[in-house]
C-alpha atoms as a PDB file:
ATOM      1  CA  MET A   1      21.824  20.310  -1.472  1.00  0.00           C
ATOM      2  CA  LYS A   2      19.723  19.610   1.982  1.00  0.00           C
ATOM      3  CA  TYR A   3      18.837  15.868   2.601  1.00  0.00           C
ATOM      4  CA  GLY A   4      15.463  15.218   3.910  1.00  0.00           C
ATOM      5  CA  MET A   5      12.680  12.838   3.758  1.00  0.00           C
ATOM      6  CA  LEU A   6       8.941  12.027   3.788  1.00  0.00           C
ATOM      7  CA  VAL A   7       6.773   9.099   5.789  1.00  0.00           C
ATOM      8  CA  ASP A   8       3.825   8.278   4.744  1.00  0.00           C
ATOM      9  CA  LEU A   9       2.295   6.728   7.592  1.00  0.00           C
ATOM     10  CA  ASP A  10      -0.801   5.824   5.519  1.00  0.00           C
ATOM     11  CA  LEU A  11       1.622   3.260   3.496  1.00  0.00           C
ATOM     12  CA  CYS A  12       3.509   2.298   6.883  1.00  0.00           C
ATOM     13  CA  VAL A  13       2.230  -1.340   8.156  1.00  0.00           C
ATOM     14  CA  GLY A  14       4.673  -1.436  10.960  1.00  0.00           C
ATOM     15  CA  CYS A  15       6.506  -4.653   9.971  1.00  0.00           C
ATOM     16  CA  GLY A  16       9.999  -3.340  11.185  1.00  0.00           C
ATOM     17  CA  ALA A  17      11.653  -3.739   8.003  1.00  0.00           C
ATOM     18  CA  CYS A  18      13.248  -0.193   8.861  1.00  0.00           C
ATOM     19  CA  VAL A  19      14.292  -0.753  12.014  1.00  0.00           C
ATOM     20  CA  MET A  20      16.223  -3.945  11.321  1.00  0.00           C
ATOM     21  CA  ALA A  21      17.707  -2.249   8.192  1.00  0.00           C
ATOM     22  CA  CYS A  22      19.008   0.783  10.433  1.00  0.00           C
ATOM     23  CA  LYS A  23      20.290  -1.902  13.263  1.00  0.00           C
ATOM     24  CA  LEU A  24      22.502  -3.770  10.567  1.00  0.00           C
ATOM     25  CA  GLU A  25      23.745  -0.693   9.071  1.00  0.00           C
ATOM     26  CA  ASN A  26      25.024   0.862  11.955  1.00  0.00           C
ATOM     27  CA  GLY A  27      25.579  -1.610  14.725  1.00  0.00           C
ATOM     28  CA  THR A  28      23.636  -0.366  17.383  1.00  0.00           C
ATOM     29  CA  ALA A  29      23.479  -2.520  20.974  1.00  0.00           C
ATOM     30  CA  LEU A  30      20.353  -4.465  21.691  1.00  0.00           C
ATOM     31  CA  ASP A  31      18.197  -1.498  23.771  1.00  0.00           C
ATOM     32  CA  ILE A  32      19.291   1.360  21.190  1.00  0.00           C
ATOM     33  CA  HIS A  33      17.118   2.106  18.058  1.00  0.00           C
ATOM     34  CA  TRP A  34      18.308   4.813  15.728  1.00  0.00           C
ATOM     35  CA  CYS A  35      14.531   4.030  14.113  1.00  0.00           C
ATOM     36  CA  HIS A  36      11.838   3.243  15.890  1.00  0.00           C
ATOM     37  CA  VAL A  37       8.021   2.131  15.385  1.00  0.00           C
ATOM     38  CA  LEU A  38       5.331   3.061  17.712  1.00  0.00           C
ATOM     39  CA  PHE A  39       2.291   1.001  17.915  1.00  0.00           C
ATOM     40  CA  LYS A  40      -1.426   2.367  19.602  1.00  0.00           C
ATOM     41  CA  GLU A  41      -4.451   0.857  19.340  1.00  0.00           C
ATOM     42  CA  VAL A  42      -7.736   3.365  18.365  1.00  0.00           C
ATOM     43  CA  GLY A  43     -11.251   2.845  18.055  1.00  0.00           C
ATOM     44  CA  LYS A  44     -13.580  -0.051  20.043  1.00  0.00           C
ATOM     45  CA  TYR A  45     -14.792  -3.623  19.061  1.00  0.00           C
ATOM     46  CA  PRO A  46     -15.329  -4.395  16.633  1.00  0.00           C
ATOM     47  CA  ASN A  47     -13.908  -1.354  14.833  1.00  0.00           C
ATOM     48  CA  ALA A  48     -10.511  -1.379  17.208  1.00  0.00           C
ATOM     49  CA  LYS A  49      -7.666  -0.891  14.743  1.00  0.00           C
ATOM     50  CA  MET A  50      -3.721  -0.304  14.875  1.00  0.00           C
ATOM     51  CA  LYS A  51      -2.272   2.506  13.989  1.00  0.00           C
ATOM     52  CA  VAL A  52       1.717   3.171  13.488  1.00  0.00           C
ATOM     53  CA  MET A  53       4.231   5.755  13.411  1.00  0.00           C
ATOM     54  CA  SER A  54       7.687   5.453  11.943  1.00  0.00           C
ATOM     55  CA  LEU A  55      10.078   7.732  13.793  1.00  0.00           C
ATOM     56  CA  SER A  56      13.700   9.015  13.571  1.00  0.00           C
ATOM     57  CA  CYS A  57      15.971  11.981  14.360  1.00  0.00           C
ATOM     58  CA  MET A  58      13.897  14.857  12.567  1.00  0.00           C
ATOM     59  CA  HIS A  59      17.334  16.638  11.911  1.00  0.00           C
ATOM     60  CA  CYS A  60      15.623  20.009  12.626  1.00  0.00           C
ATOM     61  CA  GLU A  61      17.467  22.878  11.157  1.00  0.00           C
ATOM     62  CA  ASN A  62      16.815  24.627  14.451  1.00  0.00           C
ATOM     63  CA  ALA A  63      17.731  21.770  16.522  1.00  0.00           C
ATOM     64  CA  PRO A  64      17.041  21.995  20.082  1.00  0.00           C
ATOM     65  CA  CYS A  65      20.041  19.574  20.718  1.00  0.00           C
ATOM     66  CA  VAL A  66      22.840  21.541  18.816  1.00  0.00           C
ATOM     67  CA  ASN A  67      21.602  24.651  20.859  1.00  0.00           C
ATOM     68  CA  VAL A  68      21.863  23.330  24.312  1.00  0.00           C
ATOM     69  CA  CYS A  69      25.558  21.415  23.494  1.00  0.00           C
ATOM     70  CA  PRO A  70      28.499  22.382  25.853  1.00  0.00           C
ATOM     71  CA  THR A  71      30.850  21.036  23.527  1.00  0.00           C
ATOM     72  CA  GLY A  72      29.679  21.404  19.977  1.00  0.00           C
ATOM     73  CA  ALA A  73      29.743  17.700  19.690  1.00  0.00           C
ATOM     74  CA  THR A  74      26.357  17.832  18.433  1.00  0.00           C
ATOM     75  CA  TYR A  75      26.663  20.074  14.998  1.00  0.00           C
ATOM     76  CA  TYR A  76      24.963  20.955  11.383  1.00  0.00           C
ATOM     77  CA  ASP A  77      27.184  19.432   8.461  1.00  0.00           C
ATOM     78  CA  GLY A  78      26.646  21.556   4.904  1.00  0.00           C
ATOM     79  CA  GLU A  79      23.636  19.040   3.301  1.00  0.00           C
ATOM     80  CA  GLY A  80      20.659  19.218   6.269  1.00  0.00           C
ATOM     81  CA  ASN A  81      21.984  16.436   8.770  1.00  0.00           C
ATOM     82  CA  VAL A  82      22.453  16.544  12.525  1.00  0.00           C
ATOM     83  CA  LEU A  83      25.633  14.569  13.338  1.00  0.00           C
ATOM     84  CA  VAL A  84      27.224  13.744  16.471  1.00  0.00           C
ATOM     85  CA  ASP A  85      31.556  14.352  17.115  1.00  0.00           C
ATOM     86  CA  LEU A  86      31.862  11.202  19.637  1.00  0.00           C
ATOM     87  CA  ASN A  87      35.484  12.984  20.257  1.00  0.00           C
ATOM     88  CA  LYS A  88      33.777  15.570  21.631  1.00  0.00           C
ATOM     89  CA  CYS A  89      30.261  14.657  23.656  1.00  0.00           C
ATOM     90  CA  ILE A  90      30.736  14.759  27.415  1.00  0.00           C
ATOM     91  CA  GLY A  91      27.663  12.270  27.917  1.00  0.00           C
ATOM     92  CA  CYS A  92      26.111  15.183  29.638  1.00  0.00           C
ATOM     93  CA  ARG A  93      22.173  14.253  27.979  1.00  0.00           C
ATOM     94  CA  SER A  94      21.707  17.764  27.744  1.00  0.00           C
ATOM     95  CA  CYS A  95      20.593  16.805  24.309  1.00  0.00           C
ATOM     96  CA  LEU A  96      18.010  14.304  25.246  1.00  0.00           C
ATOM     97  CA  ALA A  97      16.459  16.947  27.910  1.00  0.00           C
ATOM     98  CA  ALA A  98      15.863  19.145  24.677  1.00  0.00           C
ATOM     99  CA  CYS A  99      14.885  17.078  22.322  1.00  0.00           C
ATOM    100  CA  PRO A 100      11.034  17.488  22.284  1.00  0.00           C
ATOM    101  CA  TYR A 101      10.832  14.116  19.794  1.00  0.00           C
ATOM    102  CA  ASN A 102      12.492  11.766  22.707  1.00  0.00           C
ATOM    103  CA  ILE A 103      14.898  10.815  20.035  1.00  0.00           C
ATOM    104  CA  PRO A 104      18.539  10.623  21.726  1.00  0.00           C
ATOM    105  CA  ASP A 105      19.511   7.802  23.395  1.00  0.00           C
ATOM    106  CA  ILE A 106      22.845   7.300  25.507  1.00  0.00           C
ATOM    107  CA  CYS A 107      25.367   4.135  24.526  1.00  0.00           C
ATOM    108  CA  SER A 108      25.153   2.176  27.767  1.00  0.00           C
ATOM    109  CA  VAL A 109      27.248  -0.664  26.997  1.00  0.00           C
ATOM    110  CA  ALA A 110      29.663  -2.294  24.468  1.00  0.00           C
ATOM    111  CA  GLN A 111      27.967  -4.585  22.146  1.00  0.00           C
ATOM    112  CA  LYS A 112      31.415  -6.513  22.456  1.00  0.00           C
ATOM    113  CA  ASP A 113      30.218  -7.301  25.981  1.00  0.00           C
ATOM    114  CA  ASN A 114      26.798  -7.908  25.208  1.00  0.00           C
ATOM    115  CA  PRO A 115      26.260  -9.906  21.884  1.00  0.00           C
ATOM    116  CA  TYR A 116      22.778 -10.073  20.140  1.00  0.00           C
ATOM    117  CA  TRP A 117      22.417 -13.796  20.444  1.00  0.00           C
ATOM    118  CA  GLU A 118      22.985 -14.848  24.414  1.00  0.00           C
ATOM    119  CA  GLY A 119      25.664 -17.761  24.691  1.00  0.00           C
ATOM    120  CA  HIS A 120      26.925 -16.597  21.085  1.00  0.00           C
ATOM    121  CA  GLU A 121      30.301 -14.582  20.050  1.00  0.00           C
ATOM    122  CA  MET A 122      30.071 -11.848  17.815  1.00  0.00           C
ATOM    123  CA  THR A 123      30.338 -12.505  13.983  1.00  0.00           C
ATOM    124  CA  PRO A 124      32.741 -11.053  12.106  1.00  0.00           C
ATOM    125  CA  LEU A 125      30.366  -8.699  10.454  1.00  0.00           C
ATOM    126  CA  GLU A 126      28.852  -7.916  13.811  1.00  0.00           C
ATOM    127  CA  LYS A 127      32.369  -6.881  15.383  1.00  0.00           C
ATOM    128  CA  ILE A 128      33.208  -4.575  12.055  1.00  0.00           C
ATOM    129  CA  ILE A 129      29.725  -2.563  12.361  1.00  0.00           C
ATOM    130  CA  CYS A 130      29.652  -2.228  16.162  1.00  0.00           C
ATOM    131  CA  GLN A 131      33.078  -1.307  16.636  1.00  0.00           C
ATOM    132  CA  ASP A 132      32.746   2.500  16.192  1.00  0.00           C
ATOM    133  CA  HIS A 133      30.391   3.488  19.263  1.00  0.00           C
ATOM    134  CA  VAL A 134      31.627   4.928  22.222  1.00  0.00           C
ATOM    135  CA  VAL A 135      30.477   3.749  25.629  1.00  0.00           C
ATOM    136  CA  GLY A 136      28.594   7.411  27.325  1.00  0.00           C
ATOM    137  CA  THR A 137      28.130   9.124  24.386  1.00  0.00           C
ATOM    138  CA  LYS A 138      24.898  10.755  22.080  1.00  0.00           C
ATOM    139  CA  GLU A 139      23.420   8.100  19.838  1.00  0.00           C
ATOM    140  CA  LYS A 140      21.197   8.910  17.557  1.00  0.00           C
ATOM    141  CA  CYS A 141      20.341   8.133  13.460  1.00  0.00           C
ATOM    142  CA  ASP A 142      23.480  10.139  10.651  1.00  0.00           C
ATOM    143  CA  ARG A 143      21.431   9.258   7.736  1.00  0.00           C
ATOM    144  CA  CYS A 144      24.276   6.710   6.764  1.00  0.00           C
ATOM    145  CA  GLN A 145      26.962   9.072   6.504  1.00  0.00           C
ATOM    146  CA  ASP A 146      28.720   5.885   4.482  1.00  0.00           C
ATOM    147  CA  ARG A 147      25.809   5.101   2.470  1.00  0.00           C
ATOM    148  CA  LEU A 148      25.206   8.989   1.237  1.00  0.00           C
ATOM    149  CA  ALA A 149      29.221   9.335   0.162  1.00  0.00           C
ATOM    150  CA  GLU A 150      28.629   6.655  -2.211  1.00  0.00           C
ATOM    151  CA  GLY A 151      26.057   8.006  -3.865  1.00  0.00           C
ATOM    152  CA  ARG A 152      23.320   5.661  -2.158  1.00  0.00           C
ATOM    153  CA  ASN A 153      20.185   5.417  -0.594  1.00  0.00           C
ATOM    154  CA  VAL A 154      19.750   5.566   3.254  1.00  0.00           C
ATOM    155  CA  ALA A 155      19.158   1.723   4.671  1.00  0.00           C
ATOM    156  CA  CYS A 156      15.776   2.426   6.423  1.00  0.00           C
ATOM    157  CA  ALA A 157      14.125   3.901   3.263  1.00  0.00           C
ATOM    158  CA  GLU A 158      15.877   1.351   1.110  1.00  0.00           C
ATOM    159  CA  ALA A 159      14.031  -1.424   3.307  1.00  0.00           C
ATOM    160  CA  CYS A 160      10.568   0.205   2.971  1.00  0.00           C
ATOM    161  CA  PRO A 161       8.687  -2.608   0.873  1.00  0.00           C
ATOM    162  CA  THR A 162       5.410  -0.153   0.852  1.00  0.00           C
ATOM    163  CA  LYS A 163       7.899   2.616   0.151  1.00  0.00           C
ATOM    164  CA  SER A 164       6.570   4.942   3.005  1.00  0.00           C
ATOM    165  CA  ARG A 165       9.930   6.165   3.406  1.00  0.00           C
ATOM    166  CA  VAL A 166      11.556   8.809   0.626  1.00  0.00           C
ATOM    167  CA  PHE A 167      14.680  10.522   0.926  1.00  0.00           C
ATOM    168  CA  GLY A 168      15.882  12.738  -1.099  1.00  0.00           C
ATOM    169  CA  ASP A 169      17.404  16.407  -1.612  1.00  0.00           C
ATOM    170  CA  LEU A 170      14.867  19.229  -0.608  1.00  0.00           C
ATOM    171  CA  ASP A 171      16.205  21.625  -2.594  1.00  0.00           C
ATOM    172  CA  ASP A 172      15.538  19.647  -5.639  1.00  0.00           C
ATOM    173  CA  PRO A 173      12.298  20.271  -7.404  1.00  0.00           C
ATOM    174  CA  ASN A 174      12.507  17.381  -9.383  1.00  0.00           C
ATOM    175  CA  SER A 175      13.474  14.996  -6.502  1.00  0.00           C
ATOM    176  CA  ASP A 176      10.575  11.998  -5.554  1.00  0.00           C
ATOM    177  CA  VAL A 177      10.826  13.360  -1.881  1.00  0.00           C
ATOM    178  CA  ALA A 178       9.910  17.034  -2.593  1.00  0.00           C
ATOM    179  CA  LYS A 179       7.639  16.464  -5.292  1.00  0.00           C
ATOM    180  CA  GLN A 180       5.552  13.837  -2.758  1.00  0.00           C
ATOM    181  CA  ILE A 181       5.880  16.530   0.185  1.00  0.00           C
ATOM    182  CA  LEU A 182       4.018  18.858  -2.141  1.00  0.00           C
ATOM    183  CA  GLU A 183       1.835  16.813  -3.371  1.00  0.00           C
ATOM    184  CA  LYS A 184       0.903  15.288  -0.223  1.00  0.00           C
ATOM    185  CA  ASN A 185       1.077  18.354   1.560  1.00  0.00           C
ATOM    186  CA  ALA A 186       3.064  16.452   4.421  1.00  0.00           C
ATOM    187  CA  GLN A 187       3.613  18.574   7.153  1.00  0.00           C
ATOM    188  CA  PRO A 188       7.179  18.272  10.397  1.00  0.00           C
ATOM    189  CA  LEU A 189       5.644  16.971  13.259  1.00  0.00           C
ATOM    190  CA  LEU A 190       5.457  19.674  16.122  1.00  0.00           C
ATOM    191  CA  GLY A 191       5.939  22.037  13.548  1.00  0.00           C
ATOM    192  CA  HIS A 192       4.752  24.958  16.211  1.00  0.00           C
ATOM    193  CA  LEU A 193       7.811  24.157  17.989  1.00  0.00           C
ATOM    194  CA  LYS A 194      10.055  26.039  15.295  1.00  0.00           C
ATOM    195  CA  THR A 195      12.617  23.477  15.492  1.00  0.00           C
ATOM    196  CA  LYS A 196      12.275  23.110  11.655  1.00  0.00           C
ATOM    197  CA  PRO A 197      12.533  19.368  11.163  1.00  0.00           C
ATOM    198  CA  THR A 198      13.286  17.972   8.286  1.00  0.00           C
ATOM    199  CA  VAL A 199      11.026  15.141   8.108  1.00  0.00           C
ATOM    200  CA  TYR A 200       7.959  15.280   6.811  1.00  0.00           C
ATOM    201  CA  TYR A 201       4.705  13.109   7.485  1.00  0.00           C
ATOM    202  CA  VAL A 202       1.461  12.308   5.620  1.00  0.00           C
ATOM    203  CA  GLY A 203      -0.797  10.606   7.957  1.00  0.00           C
ATOM    204  CA  LYS A 204      -1.475  11.115  12.056  1.00  0.00           C
ATOM    205  CA  PHE A 205      -0.946   8.871  14.689  1.00  0.00           C
END
C-alpha cells in the first residue's frame, strides 16, 4: 500500500472547494492553508485567460523535510505519507527552508485566540477541530489520517466537483489513481529534483 494523488489541472476550475474542505476537516488557523489554489493570468487581451494550480504537500518518498529534521518530528509512515509528530517538533523551520514546493507552515497563533469570525465566539465544532494544533510547530497536509483509518476518501478529493483530484493506492494497478496516472501520463512537479513526490499532475501552470 502506497497512497498517492493525481491532480488534473485541465479539470481544475479553481473553485476552492478543496481548500475549504481541508480547513473544515482540519481546523487550521485563518492564515494556515494545507491546501492551496494558485492563480495566474496568461496571454494578452482579448485572448487572456486564467490558469490555476491546486497545490498541497507532495508526500515525497525522498522528502527534504524529513532529511533535515533534527528531531525526527517529520517522518514517513508505512503508506507513503509524510507526517509530523507535534511532540517532537521544536519549530526550527528547517523543513520550511528545505521544501522545494514551499509547502509547510508554522502554527503562529492558537485558533481559540483568533476565531474565524471577528467578534464571535467559536462554535462547538470549531473548538473540537481546532484543538489539536500546537503553536510554534510545523503545519502541513496529513492526508486526513482519521478518514483513511475509516476507509474514507481524503476531504479535498471528495469535495472536488470536477474530480480533478483522485486519491488512492499507487501500488494497486487497478485503482483509479494508478490507472489515470498511466493513461494521462501524469508527472510529478519538479521531478528533476529527485524528491519522488507521490502527487502527480496533468496539465501545466
